[in-house]
PDB file of N, CA and C in Angstrom:
ATOM      1  N   SER A   1      69.951-123.287  22.464  1.00  0.00           N
ATOM      2  CA  SER A   1      69.520-121.817  22.067  1.00  0.00           C
ATOM      3  C   SER A   1      67.959-122.162  23.177  1.00  0.00           C
ATOM      4  N   SER A   2      67.808-120.976  24.179  1.00  0.00           N
ATOM      5  CA  SER A   2      65.808-120.335  24.470  1.00  0.00           C
ATOM      6  C   SER A   2      65.308-121.170  23.826  1.00  0.00           C
ATOM      7  N   ARG A   3      64.971-121.779  22.488  1.00  0.00           N
ATOM      8  CA  ARG A   3      63.949-121.979  21.382  1.00  0.00           C
ATOM      9  C   ARG A   3      63.775-122.871  21.415  1.00  0.00           C
ATOM     10  N   GLN A   4      62.416-123.003  21.990  1.00  0.00           N
ATOM     11  CA  GLN A   4      61.403-124.225  22.492  1.00  0.00           C
ATOM     12  C   GLN A   4      61.851-125.162  20.124  1.00  0.00           C
ATOM     13  N   ASN A   5      61.763-125.888  20.128  1.00  0.00           N
ATOM     14  CA  ASN A   5      61.899-126.841  18.888  1.00  0.00           C
ATOM     15  C   ASN A   5      61.063-126.435  17.964  1.00  0.00           C
ATOM     16  N   TYR A   6      59.804-126.628  18.239  1.00  0.00           N
ATOM     17  CA  TYR A   6      58.843-126.450  17.302  1.00  0.00           C
ATOM     18  C   TYR A   6      57.399-125.975  17.614  1.00  0.00           C
ATOM     19  N   VAL A   7      56.179-125.556  17.002  1.00  0.00           N
ATOM     20  CA  VAL A   7      55.365-124.852  16.609  1.00  0.00           C
ATOM     21  C   VAL A   7      54.878-125.581  15.432  1.00  0.00           C
ATOM     22  N   ILE A   8      53.085-125.791  16.115  1.00  0.00           N
ATOM     23  CA  ILE A   8      52.414-126.537  14.993  1.00  0.00           C
ATOM     24  C   ILE A   8      51.775-125.154  14.641  1.00  0.00           C
ATOM     25  N   VAL A   9      51.128-125.249  13.027  1.00  0.00           N
ATOM     26  CA  VAL A   9      50.635-124.778  12.638  1.00  0.00           C
ATOM     27  C   VAL A   9      49.631-125.951  11.529  1.00  0.00           C
ATOM     28  N   THR A  10      47.800-125.330  12.464  1.00  0.00           N
ATOM     29  CA  THR A  10      46.462-126.510  12.265  1.00  0.00           C
ATOM     30  C   THR A  10      45.683-125.122  11.407  1.00  0.00           C
ATOM     31  N   GLY A  11      44.570-126.438  10.806  1.00  0.00           N
ATOM     32  CA  GLY A  11      43.786-125.425  10.696  1.00  0.00           C
ATOM     33  C   GLY A  11      42.865-124.343  11.412  1.00  0.00           C
ATOM     34  N   GLY A  12      42.583-124.520  13.144  1.00  0.00           N
ATOM     35  CA  GLY A  12      41.456-123.922  13.568  1.00  0.00           C
ATOM     36  C   GLY A  12      41.569-123.372  14.365  1.00  0.00           C
ATOM     37  N   GLU A  13      40.878-122.105  15.473  1.00  0.00           N
ATOM     38  CA  GLU A  13      41.150-122.110  16.544  1.00  0.00           C
ATOM     39  C   GLU A  13      40.486-123.463  17.957  1.00  0.00           C
ATOM     40  N   LYS A  14      39.659-124.147  17.110  1.00  0.00           N
ATOM     41  CA  LYS A  14      39.751-125.619  17.714  1.00  0.00           C
ATOM     42  C   LYS A  14      40.892-126.231  18.111  1.00  0.00           C
ATOM     43  N   ASP A  15      41.051-126.929  16.649  1.00  0.00           N
ATOM     44  CA  ASP A  15      42.828-127.861  17.459  1.00  0.00           C
ATOM     45  C   ASP A  15      43.564-127.289  17.655  1.00  0.00           C
ATOM     46  N   VAL A  16      43.720-126.022  17.910  1.00  0.00           N
ATOM     47  CA  VAL A  16      44.883-124.861  17.773  1.00  0.00           C
ATOM     48  C   VAL A  16      44.949-124.858  20.119  1.00  0.00           C
ATOM     49  N   MET A  17      43.516-124.884  20.503  1.00  0.00           N
ATOM     50  CA  MET A  17      42.985-125.271  21.730  1.00  0.00           C
ATOM     51  C   MET A  17      42.985-126.778  22.181  1.00  0.00           C
ATOM     52  N   SER A  18      42.536-127.002  21.120  1.00  0.00           N
ATOM     53  CA  SER A  18      42.555-128.514  21.604  1.00  0.00           C
ATOM     54  C   SER A  18      44.145-129.403  22.276  1.00  0.00           C
ATOM     55  N   LEU A  19      45.625-128.574  20.943  1.00  0.00           N
ATOM     56  CA  LEU A  19      46.484-129.082  20.737  1.00  0.00           C
ATOM     57  C   LEU A  19      47.095-128.406  22.060  1.00  0.00           C
ATOM     58  N   SER A  20      46.970-126.846  22.704  1.00  0.00           N
ATOM     59  CA  SER A  20      47.409-126.413  23.874  1.00  0.00           C
ATOM     60  C   SER A  20      46.788-127.124  25.154  1.00  0.00           C
ATOM     61  N   ALA A  21      46.066-127.425  24.670  1.00  0.00           N
ATOM     62  CA  ALA A  21      45.373-129.070  26.273  1.00  0.00           C
ATOM     63  C   ALA A  21      46.365-129.836  26.076  1.00  0.00           C
ATOM     64  N   HIS A  22      46.824-130.637  25.433  1.00  0.00           N
ATOM     65  CA  HIS A  22      47.887-131.562  25.173  1.00  0.00           C
ATOM     66  C   HIS A  22      49.489-131.451  25.219  1.00  0.00           C
ATOM     67  N   GLY A  23      49.707-129.283  25.962  1.00  0.00           N
ATOM     68  CA  GLY A  23      50.382-129.317  25.905  1.00  0.00           C
ATOM     69  C   GLY A  23      52.349-128.910  24.427  1.00  0.00           C
ATOM     70  N   PHE A  24      51.191-128.858  23.386  1.00  0.00           N
ATOM     71  CA  PHE A  24      51.760-128.760  22.628  1.00  0.00           C
ATOM     72  C   PHE A  24      51.806-126.948  22.340  1.00  0.00           C
ATOM     73  N   ASN A  25      53.132-126.348  21.526  1.00  0.00           N
ATOM     74  CA  ASN A  25      52.928-124.673  20.856  1.00  0.00           C
ATOM     75  C   ASN A  25      52.120-125.111  19.821  1.00  0.00           C
ATOM     76  N   ALA A  26      51.018-124.013  19.586  1.00  0.00           N
ATOM     77  CA  ALA A  26      49.986-124.280  18.574  1.00  0.00           C
ATOM     78  C   ALA A  26      49.707-123.088  17.976  1.00  0.00           C
ATOM     79  N   ILE A  27      49.557-122.461  16.521  1.00  0.00           N
ATOM     80  CA  ILE A  27      48.859-121.291  16.285  1.00  0.00           C
ATOM     81  C   ILE A  27      47.724-121.722  14.902  1.00  0.00           C
ATOM     82  N   CYS A  28      46.785-121.487  14.773  1.00  0.00           N
ATOM     83  CA  CYS A  28      45.855-121.590  13.096  1.00  0.00           C
ATOM     84  C   CYS A  28      46.921-119.708  12.539  1.00  0.00           C
ATOM     85  N   LEU A  29      46.711-120.488  11.391  1.00  0.00           N
ATOM     86  CA  LEU A  29      45.726-118.908  10.158  1.00  0.00           C
ATOM     87  C   LEU A  29      44.674-118.991  10.169  1.00  0.00           C
ATOM     88  N   ASN A  30      44.199-117.940   9.116  1.00  0.00           N
ATOM     89  CA  ASN A  30      42.972-117.792   9.310  1.00  0.00           C
ATOM     90  C   ASN A  30      41.824-118.686   8.841  1.00  0.00           C
ATOM     91  N   SER A  31      42.677-119.992   8.733  1.00  0.00           N
ATOM     92  CA  SER A  31      41.877-120.819   7.268  1.00  0.00           C
ATOM     93  C   SER A  31      42.859-121.602   6.867  1.00  0.00           C
ATOM     94  N   GLU A  32      42.816-123.139   7.284  1.00  0.00           N
ATOM     95  CA  GLU A  32      43.959-123.496   5.810  1.00  0.00           C
ATOM     96  C   GLU A  32      44.128-123.408   4.043  1.00  0.00           C
ATOM     97  N   THR A  33      43.369-122.194   3.272  1.00  0.00           N
ATOM     98  CA  THR A  33      44.020-122.328   2.751  1.00  0.00           C
ATOM     99  C   THR A  33      44.115-120.694   2.335  1.00  0.00           C
ATOM    100  N   ALA A  34      44.724-120.079   3.689  1.00  0.00           N
ATOM    101  CA  ALA A  34      44.970-118.718   3.727  1.00  0.00           C
ATOM    102  C   ALA A  34      46.892-118.898   3.734  1.00  0.00           C
ATOM    103  N   LYS A  35      47.304-117.611   3.252  1.00  0.00           N
ATOM    104  CA  LYS A  35      49.043-117.819   2.553  1.00  0.00           C
ATOM    105  C   LYS A  35      49.406-117.312   4.504  1.00  0.00           C
ATOM    106  N   LEU A  36      51.098-118.044   4.163  1.00  0.00           N
ATOM    107  CA  LEU A  36      51.645-117.327   5.797  1.00  0.00           C
ATOM    108  C   LEU A  36      52.168-115.347   5.122  1.00  0.00           C
ATOM    109  N   PRO A  37      51.580-115.128   6.460  1.00  0.00           N
ATOM    110  CA  PRO A  37      52.136-113.818   6.021  1.00  0.00           C
ATOM    111  C   PRO A  37      53.484-113.766   6.638  1.00  0.00           C
ATOM    112  N   PHE A  38      54.608-112.687   5.946  1.00  0.00           N
ATOM    113  CA  PHE A  38      56.040-113.138   6.013  1.00  0.00           C
ATOM    114  C   PHE A  38      56.629-112.523   7.748  1.00  0.00           C
ATOM    115  N   SER A  39      55.690-111.802   8.764  1.00  0.00           N
ATOM    116  CA  SER A  39      55.495-111.335   9.143  1.00  0.00           C
ATOM    117  C   SER A  39      55.719-112.154  10.937  1.00  0.00           C
ATOM    118  N   LEU A  40      54.888-112.813  10.572  1.00  0.00           N
ATOM    119  CA  LEU A  40      54.337-114.297  11.032  1.00  0.00           C
ATOM    120  C   LEU A  40      55.432-115.587  11.548  1.00  0.00           C
ATOM    121  N   LEU A  41      56.524-115.378   9.868  1.00  0.00           N
ATOM    122  CA  LEU A  41      57.401-116.327   9.721  1.00  0.00           C
ATOM    123  C   LEU A  41      58.623-115.245  10.976  1.00  0.00           C
ATOM    124  N   GLU A  42      58.464-113.715  10.682  1.00  0.00           N
ATOM    125  CA  GLU A  42      59.549-113.163  11.352  1.00  0.00           C
ATOM    126  C   GLU A  42      59.240-113.411  13.327  1.00  0.00           C
ATOM    127  N   GLN A  43      58.373-113.564  13.675  1.00  0.00           N
ATOM    128  CA  GLN A  43      57.935-113.918  14.667  1.00  0.00           C
ATOM    129  C   GLN A  43      58.307-114.989  14.775  1.00  0.00           C
ATOM    130  N   LEU A  44      57.656-115.527  14.327  1.00  0.00           N
ATOM    131  CA  LEU A  44      58.415-117.604  15.106  1.00  0.00           C
ATOM    132  C   LEU A  44      59.473-117.699  15.019  1.00  0.00           C
ATOM    133  N   THR A  45      60.028-116.828  13.801  1.00  0.00           N
ATOM    134  CA  THR A  45      61.760-117.726  13.563  1.00  0.00           C
ATOM    135  C   THR A  45      62.478-117.358  15.265  1.00  0.00           C
ATOM    136  N   GLY A  46      62.060-116.722  15.805  1.00  0.00           N
ATOM    137  CA  GLY A  46      64.019-116.141  17.229  1.00  0.00           C
ATOM    138  C   GLY A  46      62.776-117.091  18.453  1.00  0.00           C
ATOM    139  N   ARG A  47      62.205-117.742  18.148  1.00  0.00           N
ATOM    140  CA  ARG A  47      61.248-118.162  19.180  1.00  0.00           C
ATOM    141  C   ARG A  47      61.574-120.224  19.056  1.00  0.00           C
ATOM    142  N   TYR A  48      61.148-120.253  18.178  1.00  0.00           N
ATOM    143  CA  TYR A  48      61.019-121.964  17.306  1.00  0.00           C
ATOM    144  C   TYR A  48      62.348-122.176  16.045  1.00  0.00           C
ATOM    145  N   GLU A  49      62.747-123.020  16.023  1.00  0.00           N
ATOM    146  CA  GLU A  49      63.730-123.375  15.466  1.00  0.00           C
ATOM    147  C   GLU A  49      62.187-124.391  13.974  1.00  0.00           C
ATOM    148  N   LYS A  50      62.192-124.709  13.743  1.00  0.00           N
ATOM    149  CA  LYS A  50      61.091-125.735  12.772  1.00  0.00           C
ATOM    150  C   LYS A  50      59.257-125.420  13.307  1.00  0.00           C
ATOM    151  N   MET A  51      58.910-125.398  11.548  1.00  0.00           N
ATOM    152  CA  MET A  51      57.439-125.471  12.434  1.00  0.00           C
ATOM    153  C   MET A  51      56.584-125.932  11.702  1.00  0.00           C
ATOM    154  N   VAL A  52      56.196-126.514  11.706  1.00  0.00           N
ATOM    155  CA  VAL A  52      54.776-128.133  11.327  1.00  0.00           C
ATOM    156  C   VAL A  52      53.715-127.518  11.146  1.00  0.00           C
ATOM    157  N   PHE A  53      53.434-128.172  10.105  1.00  0.00           N
ATOM    158  CA  PHE A  53      51.638-128.300   9.971  1.00  0.00           C
ATOM    159  C   PHE A  53      51.039-129.059   9.363  1.00  0.00           C
ATOM    160  N   LEU A  54      49.899-128.953  10.782  1.00  0.00           N
ATOM    161  CA  LEU A  54      49.181-130.492  11.182  1.00  0.00           C
ATOM    162  C   LEU A  54      47.632-129.776  10.665  1.00  0.00           C
ATOM    163  N   TYR A  55      47.753-130.487   9.301  1.00  0.00           N
ATOM    164  CA  TYR A  55      46.390-129.682   8.639  1.00  0.00           C
ATOM    165  C   TYR A  55      45.120-130.793   8.641  1.00  0.00           C
ATOM    166  N   ASP A  56      44.177-131.164   8.046  1.00  0.00           N
ATOM    167  CA  ASP A  56      43.175-131.482   8.427  1.00  0.00           C
ATOM    168  C   ASP A  56      43.395-133.120   6.690  1.00  0.00           C
ATOM    169  N   CYS A  57      43.283-134.016   7.877  1.00  0.00           N
ATOM    170  CA  CYS A  57      43.694-135.643   7.112  1.00  0.00           C
ATOM    171  C   CYS A  57      42.669-135.187   6.447  1.00  0.00           C
ATOM    172  N   ASP A  58      41.720-134.321   4.881  1.00  0.00           N
ATOM    173  CA  ASP A  58      41.325-134.790   3.458  1.00  0.00           C
ATOM    174  C   ASP A  58      42.250-134.239   2.624  1.00  0.00           C
ATOM    175  N   GLU A  59      41.660-134.620   1.486  1.00  0.00           N
ATOM    176  CA  GLU A  59      42.324-133.814   0.252  1.00  0.00           C
ATOM    177  C   GLU A  59      42.522-132.649   0.794  1.00  0.00           C
ATOM    178  N   THR A  60      41.845-131.229   0.940  1.00  0.00           N
ATOM    179  CA  THR A  60      42.400-130.045   1.174  1.00  0.00           C
ATOM    180  C   THR A  60      43.721-130.229   1.705  1.00  0.00           C
ATOM    181  N   GLY A  61      43.162-130.260   2.803  1.00  0.00           N
ATOM    182  CA  GLY A  61      44.097-130.499   4.049  1.00  0.00           C
ATOM    183  C   GLY A  61      45.828-131.217   3.884  1.00  0.00           C
ATOM    184  N   LYS A  62      45.858-131.447   3.278  1.00  0.00           N
ATOM    185  CA  LYS A  62      47.270-132.681   3.139  1.00  0.00           C
ATOM    186  C   LYS A  62      47.122-131.813   1.621  1.00  0.00           C
ATOM    187  N   ARG A  63      46.784-131.266   0.551  1.00  0.00           N
ATOM    188  CA  ARG A  63      47.390-130.341  -0.763  1.00  0.00           C
ATOM    189  C   ARG A  63      46.847-128.755  -0.124  1.00  0.00           C
ATOM    190  N   GLU A  64      46.547-127.840   0.964  1.00  0.00           N
ATOM    191  CA  GLU A  64      47.160-126.816   1.348  1.00  0.00           C
ATOM    192  C   GLU A  64      48.026-127.119   2.602  1.00  0.00           C
ATOM    193  N   SER A  65      48.551-127.692   3.216  1.00  0.00           N
ATOM    194  CA  SER A  65      50.142-128.678   4.314  1.00  0.00           C
ATOM    195  C   SER A  65      50.975-128.713   3.408  1.00  0.00           C
ATOM    196  N   ALA A  66      50.997-129.027   2.444  1.00  0.00           N
ATOM    197  CA  ALA A  66      52.662-128.723   1.233  1.00  0.00           C
ATOM    198  C   ALA A  66      52.494-127.708   0.317  1.00  0.00           C
ATOM    199  N   LEU A  67      51.362-126.902   0.639  1.00  0.00           N
ATOM    200  CA  LEU A  67      52.089-125.880  -0.536  1.00  0.00           C
ATOM    201  C   LEU A  67      52.160-125.066   0.763  1.00  0.00           C
ATOM    202  N   ARG A  68      52.154-125.063   1.831  1.00  0.00           N
ATOM    203  CA  ARG A  68      51.836-123.682   2.831  1.00  0.00           C
ATOM    204  C   ARG A  68      54.152-124.564   2.788  1.00  0.00           C
ATOM    205  N   VAL A  69      54.227-125.598   3.003  1.00  0.00           N
ATOM    206  CA  VAL A  69      55.905-125.793   2.883  1.00  0.00           C
ATOM    207  C   VAL A  69      56.868-125.476   1.610  1.00  0.00           C
ATOM    208  N   LYS A  70      54.954-125.525   0.822  1.00  0.00           N
ATOM    209  CA  LYS A  70      56.686-124.970  -0.007  1.00  0.00           C
ATOM    210  C   LYS A  70      56.667-123.558  -0.452  1.00  0.00           C
ATOM    211  N   GLU A  71      55.619-122.979  -0.008  1.00  0.00           N
ATOM    212  CA  GLU A  71      55.571-120.924   0.470  1.00  0.00           C
ATOM    213  C   GLU A  71      57.116-121.051   1.565  1.00  0.00           C
ATOM    214  N   TRP A  72      56.774-122.059   2.422  1.00  0.00           N
ATOM    215  CA  TRP A  72      57.689-120.860   3.151  1.00  0.00           C
ATOM    216  C   TRP A  72      59.398-122.381   2.541  1.00  0.00           C
ATOM    217  N   ASN A  73      59.579-122.585   2.153  1.00  0.00           N
ATOM    218  CA  ASN A  73      60.471-123.516   1.718  1.00  0.00           C
ATOM    219  C   ASN A  73      61.070-121.968   0.306  1.00  0.00           C
ATOM    220  N   GLU A  74      60.062-121.134  -0.388  1.00  0.00           N
ATOM    221  CA  GLU A  74      61.053-120.131  -0.690  1.00  0.00           C
ATOM    222  C   GLU A  74      61.047-119.351  -0.190  1.00  0.00           C
ATOM    223  N   TYR A  75      60.495-118.577   1.272  1.00  0.00           N
ATOM    224  CA  TYR A  75      60.470-117.559   2.006  1.00  0.00           C
ATOM    225  C   TYR A  75      62.242-118.171   2.163  1.00  0.00           C
ATOM    226  N   ARG A  76      62.812-118.898   2.450  1.00  0.00           N
ATOM    227  CA  ARG A  76      63.857-120.041   3.048  1.00  0.00           C
ATOM    228  C   ARG A  76      64.805-119.075   1.979  1.00  0.00           C
ATOM    229  N   GLU A  77      64.257-120.062   1.334  1.00  0.00           N
ATOM    230  CA  GLU A  77      65.767-118.936  -0.363  1.00  0.00           C
ATOM    231  C   GLU A  77      65.666-117.830  -0.680  1.00  0.00           C
ATOM    232  N   ASN A  78      64.906-117.243  -0.418  1.00  0.00           N
ATOM    233  CA  ASN A  78      64.740-115.618  -0.399  1.00  0.00           C
ATOM    234  C   ASN A  78      65.418-114.617   0.824  1.00  0.00           C
ATOM    235  N   TYR A  79      65.420-115.185   1.582  1.00  0.00           N
ATOM    236  CA  TYR A  79      65.426-114.117   3.428  1.00  0.00           C
ATOM    237  C   TYR A  79      66.540-115.118   4.073  1.00  0.00           C
ATOM    238  N   GLY A  80      67.271-116.617   3.881  1.00  0.00           N
ATOM    239  CA  GLY A  80      67.910-116.992   5.259  1.00  0.00           C
ATOM    240  C   GLY A  80      67.321-118.451   5.553  1.00  0.00           C
ATOM    241  N   SER A  81      68.168-118.753   5.404  1.00  0.00           N
ATOM    242  CA  SER A  81      68.135-120.617   6.390  1.00  0.00           C
ATOM    243  C   SER A  81      67.918-120.615   7.609  1.00  0.00           C
ATOM    244  N   ASN A  82      67.921-119.231   8.523  1.00  0.00           N
ATOM    245  CA  ASN A  82      68.323-118.768   9.375  1.00  0.00           C
ATOM    246  C   ASN A  82      66.775-119.513  10.173  1.00  0.00           C
ATOM    247  N   LEU A  83      66.042-119.345   8.807  1.00  0.00           N
ATOM    248  CA  LEU A  83      64.357-118.309   9.276  1.00  0.00           C
ATOM    249  C   LEU A  83      63.756-120.418   9.813  1.00  0.00           C
ATOM    250  N   LEU A  84      62.644-120.599  10.563  1.00  0.00           N
ATOM    251  CA  LEU A  84      62.049-121.982  10.651  1.00  0.00           C
ATOM    252  C   LEU A  84      62.127-123.010   9.467  1.00  0.00           C
ATOM    253  N   ARG A  85      62.414-124.480   9.398  1.00  0.00           N
ATOM    254  CA  ARG A  85      62.215-125.305   8.591  1.00  0.00           C
ATOM    255  C   ARG A  85      61.010-125.093   8.704  1.00  0.00           C
ATOM    256  N   PRO A  86      60.233-125.609   7.153  1.00  0.00           N
ATOM    257  CA  PRO A  86      58.390-125.969   7.221  1.00  0.00           C
ATOM    258  C   PRO A  86      58.946-127.899   7.449  1.00  0.00           C
ATOM    259  N   TYR A  87      57.416-128.236   8.332  1.00  0.00           N
ATOM    260  CA  TYR A  87      57.773-129.430   7.967  1.00  0.00           C
ATOM    261  C   TYR A  87      55.990-129.948   8.483  1.00  0.00           C
ATOM    262  N   SER A  88      55.787-131.335   7.569  1.00  0.00           N
ATOM    263  CA  SER A  88      54.036-131.170   7.101  1.00  0.00           C
ATOM    264  C   SER A  88      54.524-132.517   7.734  1.00  0.00           C
ATOM    265  N   VAL A  89      52.851-132.639   8.356  1.00  0.00           N
ATOM    266  CA  VAL A  89      52.444-134.492   9.615  1.00  0.00           C
ATOM    267  C   VAL A  89      51.196-134.334   8.866  1.00  0.00           C
ATOM    268  N   THR A  90      51.547-135.648   8.805  1.00  0.00           N
ATOM    269  CA  THR A  90      49.366-136.071   7.961  1.00  0.00           C
ATOM    270  C   THR A  90      48.826-136.970   9.545  1.00  0.00           C
ATOM    271  N   LEU A  91      48.419-136.684  10.260  1.00  0.00           N
ATOM    272  CA  LEU A  91      47.816-138.205  10.823  1.00  0.00           C
ATOM    273  C   LEU A  91      47.097-139.451  10.247  1.00  0.00           C
ATOM    274  N   PRO A  92      47.071-140.576  11.287  1.00  0.00           N
ATOM    275  CA  PRO A  92      47.540-141.821  11.187  1.00  0.00           C
ATOM    276  C   PRO A  92      45.636-141.502  11.709  1.00  0.00           C
ATOM    277  N   LEU A  93      44.705-140.494  10.293  1.00  0.00           N
ATOM    278  CA  LEU A  93      43.716-140.464  10.777  1.00  0.00           C
ATOM    279  C   LEU A  93      42.392-141.235   9.117  1.00  0.00           C
ATOM    280  N   SER A  94      41.396-141.415   8.644  1.00  0.00           N
ATOM    281  CA  SER A  94      40.706-142.085   7.795  1.00  0.00           C
ATOM    282  C   SER A  94      40.907-141.098   6.531  1.00  0.00           C
ATOM    283  N   GLY A  95      40.504-139.736   7.227  1.00  0.00           N
ATOM    284  CA  GLY A  95      39.969-137.846   6.785  1.00  0.00           C
ATOM    285  C   GLY A  95      38.787-137.889   6.699  1.00  0.00           C
ATOM    286  N   SER A  96      37.309-139.283   7.167  1.00  0.00           N
ATOM    287  CA  SER A  96      36.360-138.539   6.891  1.00  0.00           C
ATOM    288  C   SER A  96      35.807-137.566   7.473  1.00  0.00           C
ATOM    289  N   LYS A  97      34.725-137.168   8.085  1.00  0.00           N
ATOM    290  CA  LYS A  97      33.938-135.656   8.705  1.00  0.00           C
ATOM    291  C   LYS A  97      34.834-136.590  10.022  1.00  0.00           C
ATOM    292  N   GLN A  98      34.015-137.031  10.428  1.00  0.00           N
ATOM    293  CA  GLN A  98      34.429-138.149  11.702  1.00  0.00           C
ATOM    294  C   GLN A  98      36.142-137.751  12.905  1.00  0.00           C
ATOM    295  N   GLU A  99      36.838-138.362  11.811  1.00  0.00           N
ATOM    296  CA  GLU A  99      38.248-138.762  11.670  1.00  0.00           C
ATOM    297  C   GLU A  99      39.027-138.030  11.076  1.00  0.00           C
ATOM    298  N   LYS A 100      39.432-136.274  10.659  1.00  0.00           N
ATOM    299  CA  LYS A 100      40.223-135.471   9.916  1.00  0.00           C
ATOM    300  C   LYS A 100      40.724-134.765  10.900  1.00  0.00           C
ATOM    301  N   ASP A 101      40.880-134.900  11.888  1.00  0.00           N
ATOM    302  CA  ASP A 101      42.045-133.241  12.744  1.00  0.00           C
ATOM    303  C   ASP A 101      42.556-133.377  13.978  1.00  0.00           C
ATOM    304  N   VAL A 102      43.108-132.767  14.132  1.00  0.00           N
ATOM    305  CA  VAL A 102      44.243-133.009  15.478  1.00  0.00           C
ATOM    306  C   VAL A 102      42.915-133.691  16.744  1.00  0.00           C
ATOM    307  N   SER A 103      42.066-132.862  16.673  1.00  0.00           N
ATOM    308  CA  SER A 103      41.229-132.503  17.984  1.00  0.00           C
ATOM    309  C   SER A 103      39.785-134.105  17.687  1.00  0.00           C
ATOM    310  N   ASP A 104      39.646-134.591  16.729  1.00  0.00           N
ATOM    311  CA  ASP A 104      39.302-136.426  16.476  1.00  0.00           C
ATOM    312  C   ASP A 104      40.206-137.029  16.806  1.00  0.00           C
ATOM    313  N   PHE A 105      41.580-136.671  16.595  1.00  0.00           N
ATOM    314  CA  PHE A 105      43.354-137.675  17.484  1.00  0.00           C
ATOM    315  C   PHE A 105      42.659-138.284  18.323  1.00  0.00           C
ATOM    316  N   PHE A 106      42.660-137.057  19.423  1.00  0.00           N
ATOM    317  CA  PHE A 106      42.531-136.760  21.066  1.00  0.00           C
ATOM    318  C   PHE A 106      41.252-137.712  21.322  1.00  0.00           C
ATOM    319  N   LYS A 107      40.429-136.978  20.813  1.00  0.00           N
ATOM    320  CA  LYS A 107      38.846-137.178  20.868  1.00  0.00           C
ATOM    321  C   LYS A 107      39.182-138.890  21.155  1.00  0.00           C
ATOM    322  N   SER A 108      39.199-139.881  20.249  1.00  0.00           N
ATOM    323  CA  SER A 108      39.363-140.982  19.713  1.00  0.00           C
ATOM    324  C   SER A 108      40.249-141.730  20.128  1.00  0.00           C
ATOM    325  N   GLY A 109      41.231-141.213  21.891  1.00  0.00           N
ATOM    326  CA  GLY A 109      42.221-141.943  21.994  1.00  0.00           C
ATOM    327  C   GLY A 109      43.495-141.731  22.125  1.00  0.00           C
ATOM    328  N   HIS A 110      43.781-140.667  21.750  1.00  0.00           N
ATOM    329  CA  HIS A 110      45.227-141.111  20.851  1.00  0.00           C
ATOM    330  C   HIS A 110      45.854-140.103  22.134  1.00  0.00           C
ATOM    331  N   THR A 111      47.388-140.206  22.791  1.00  0.00           N
ATOM    332  CA  THR A 111      47.709-139.306  23.324  1.00  0.00           C
ATOM    333  C   THR A 111      48.308-138.371  23.558  1.00  0.00           C
ATOM    334  N   ALA A 112      49.117-137.401  23.349  1.00  0.00           N
ATOM    335  CA  ALA A 112      49.842-136.369  23.225  1.00  0.00           C
ATOM    336  C   ALA A 112      51.420-137.351  23.100  1.00  0.00           C
ATOM    337  N   ASP A 113      51.506-138.320  24.144  1.00  0.00           N
ATOM    338  CA  ASP A 113      52.802-138.838  23.790  1.00  0.00           C
ATOM    339  C   ASP A 113      53.159-139.397  22.147  1.00  0.00           C
ATOM    340  N   GLU A 114      52.215-139.991  21.719  1.00  0.00           N
ATOM    341  CA  GLU A 114      52.025-140.868  20.840  1.00  0.00           C
ATOM    342  C   GLU A 114      52.026-139.955  18.824  1.00  0.00           C
ATOM    343  N   LEU A 115      51.331-138.734  19.782  1.00  0.00           N
ATOM    344  CA  LEU A 115      51.476-137.616  18.538  1.00  0.00           C
ATOM    345  C   LEU A 115      52.961-137.062  18.543  1.00  0.00           C
ATOM    346  N   ARG A 116      53.442-136.233  19.248  1.00  0.00           N
ATOM    347  CA  ARG A 116      55.069-136.410  20.143  1.00  0.00           C
ATOM    348  C   ARG A 116      55.808-137.611  18.834  1.00  0.00           C
ATOM    349  N   VAL A 117      55.328-138.301  18.730  1.00  0.00           N
ATOM    350  CA  VAL A 117      56.149-139.427  18.206  1.00  0.00           C
ATOM    351  C   VAL A 117      55.750-139.227  16.877  1.00  0.00           C
ATOM    352  N   ILE A 118      54.731-138.647  16.770  1.00  0.00           N
ATOM    353  CA  ILE A 118      54.572-139.183  14.841  1.00  0.00           C
ATOM    354  C   ILE A 118      55.522-137.622  13.988  1.00  0.00           C
ATOM    355  N   ILE A 119      54.905-136.395  15.091  1.00  0.00           N
ATOM    356  CA  ILE A 119      56.027-135.439  15.027  1.00  0.00           C
ATOM    357  C   ILE A 119      57.525-135.974  14.709  1.00  0.00           C
ATOM    358  N   HIS A 120      58.031-136.370  15.239  1.00  0.00           N
ATOM    359  CA  HIS A 120      58.995-135.714  15.733  1.00  0.00           C
ATOM    360  C   HIS A 120      59.912-137.421  14.157  1.00  0.00           C
ATOM    361  N   SER A 121      58.937-138.791  13.937  1.00  0.00           N
ATOM    362  CA  SER A 121      59.470-139.153  13.277  1.00  0.00           C
ATOM    363  C   SER A 121      59.018-138.706  12.491  1.00  0.00           C
ATOM    364  N   THR A 122      58.303-137.640  11.599  1.00  0.00           N
ATOM    365  CA  THR A 122      58.481-137.041  10.814  1.00  0.00           C
ATOM    366  C   THR A 122      60.271-135.894  10.406  1.00  0.00           C
ATOM    367  N   LEU A 123      60.569-135.471  11.655  1.00  0.00           N
ATOM    368  CA  LEU A 123      61.834-134.580  11.945  1.00  0.00           C
ATOM    369  C   LEU A 123      62.833-135.220  11.552  1.00  0.00           C
ATOM    370  N   GLU A 124      63.216-136.313  12.042  1.00  0.00           N
ATOM    371  CA  GLU A 124      63.533-137.393  11.831  1.00  0.00           C
ATOM    372  C   GLU A 124      64.282-137.758  10.599  1.00  0.00           C
ATOM    373  N   GLN A 125      62.684-137.800   9.952  1.00  0.00           N
ATOM    374  CA  GLN A 125      64.033-139.045   8.759  1.00  0.00           C
ATOM    375  C   GLN A 125      63.178-137.617   7.606  1.00  0.00           C
ATOM    376  N   THR A 126      62.807-135.694   7.532  1.00  0.00           N
ATOM    377  CA  THR A 126      62.982-134.862   6.757  1.00  0.00           C
ATOM    378  C   THR A 126      64.104-133.790   6.407  1.00  0.00           C
ATOM    379  N   HIS A 127      65.306-134.701   6.252  1.00  0.00           N
ATOM    380  CA  HIS A 127      66.037-133.333   5.816  1.00  0.00           C
ATOM    381  C   HIS A 127      66.439-132.790   5.192  1.00  0.00           C
ATOM    382  N   GLY A 128      66.495-131.364   4.749  1.00  0.00           N
ATOM    383  CA  GLY A 128      66.235-130.643   3.339  1.00  0.00           C
ATOM    384  C   GLY A 128      65.842-129.121   2.985  1.00  0.00           C
TER     385      GLY A 128
END
């Protein structure tokens, strides 16, 4: 299919810019605690197969990322499994103020290839 494999949903504009600059397809909601609008799901389903939540590595980010995956899976149960599969990726960062998001990940010297490896390992181990 001509669909790119995945789109990343992240916590804010800054992280979207950072991901785009490194060659990733990324979008953000109004905030990490925002629910996913169903219209967005429909738009993205035409273009991608998977959706990867890449939120901050703090408690809020981890909790909200898990909630989004749960919501999304409920959409898939109700509206069909052809909708994007949701995944949640946690970056190997401390979660402190200085080291919690994907912009920090790149700032501290990590590369796009490293991020790709982290994402792919999550996509491969989570079937279901």
